[in-house]
Amino acid sequence: MTVETHISTLQRRHDELDAAIEAAARDHGVDDLEIQAMKKEKLYLKDEIARLQATVE
């Protein structure tokens, strides 16, 4: 897997989490801790994407 492909995969997962977080925020039945965990994973993905992009440039 190339770095670019890996970045693309991480970006897709980041976008999916963003949509899931928005949906969970609208659904009052979702636990705040679950949303917090998704946000933490999303932030990790963002940092990982930035780190990988820095190695490509």
Protein backbone atom coordinates (compact mmCIF):
# COMPACT_ATOMS: atom_id res chain seq x y z
CA MET A 1 0.00 0.00 0.00
CA THR A 2 1.42 3.36 -0.99
CA VAL A 3 1.44 6.29 1.39
CA GLU A 4 -1.06 8.11 -0.82
CA THR A 5 -3.43 5.14 -0.73
CA HIS A 6 -3.09 4.92 3.04
CA ILE A 7 -3.83 8.64 3.38
CA SER A 8 -6.89 8.22 1.18
CA THR A 9 -8.13 5.33 3.30
CA LEU A 10 -7.62 7.31 6.50
CA GLN A 11 -9.38 10.33 4.99
CA ARG A 12 -12.36 8.19 4.02
CA ARG A 13 -12.56 6.79 7.56
CA HIS A 14 -12.28 10.35 8.94
CA ASP A 15 -15.18 11.48 6.74
CA GLU A 16 -17.27 8.47 7.79
CA LEU A 17 -16.65 9.27 11.45
CA ASP A 18 -17.60 12.90 10.86
CA ALA A 19 -20.94 11.81 9.43
CA ALA A 20 -21.46 9.31 12.26
CA ILE A 21 -20.73 11.96 14.87
CA GLU A 22 -23.22 14.35 13.29
CA ALA A 23 -25.88 11.63 13.18
CA ALA A 24 -25.17 10.60 16.76
CA ALA A 25 -25.42 14.20 17.96
CA ARG A 26 -28.91 14.44 16.45
CA ASP A 27 -29.97 11.11 18.01
CA HIS A 28 -30.63 11.75 21.68
CA GLY A 29 -30.35 8.04 22.44
CA VAL A 30 -26.61 7.95 21.78
CA ASP A 31 -24.36 8.07 24.83
CA ASP A 32 -22.10 11.13 25.14
CA LEU A 33 -19.15 8.87 25.91
CA GLU A 34 -19.64 7.08 22.59
CA ILE A 35 -19.63 10.40 20.76
CA GLN A 36 -16.53 11.45 22.68
CA ALA A 37 -14.76 8.22 21.67
CA MET A 38 -15.65 8.81 18.01
CA LYS A 39 -14.32 12.37 18.22
CA LYS A 40 -11.09 11.10 19.77
CA GLU A 41 -10.63 8.58 16.96
CA LYS A 42 -11.41 11.28 14.39
CA LEU A 43 -8.73 13.54 15.91
CA TYR A 44 -6.23 10.66 15.86
CA LEU A 45 -6.99 10.09 12.18
CA LYS A 46 -6.55 13.78 11.42
CA ASP A 47 -3.16 13.79 13.15
CA GLU A 48 -2.08 10.62 11.35
CA ILE A 49 -3.14 12.05 7.98
CA ALA A 50 -1.14 15.22 8.66
CA ARG A 51 1.90 13.19 9.73
CA LEU A 52 1.78 11.06 6.59
CA GLN A 53 1.26 14.05 4.32
CA ALA A 54 4.34 15.67 5.82
CA THR A 55 6.42 12.63 4.85
CA VAL A 56 5.19 12.81 1.26
CA GLU A 57 5.96 16.51 0.78
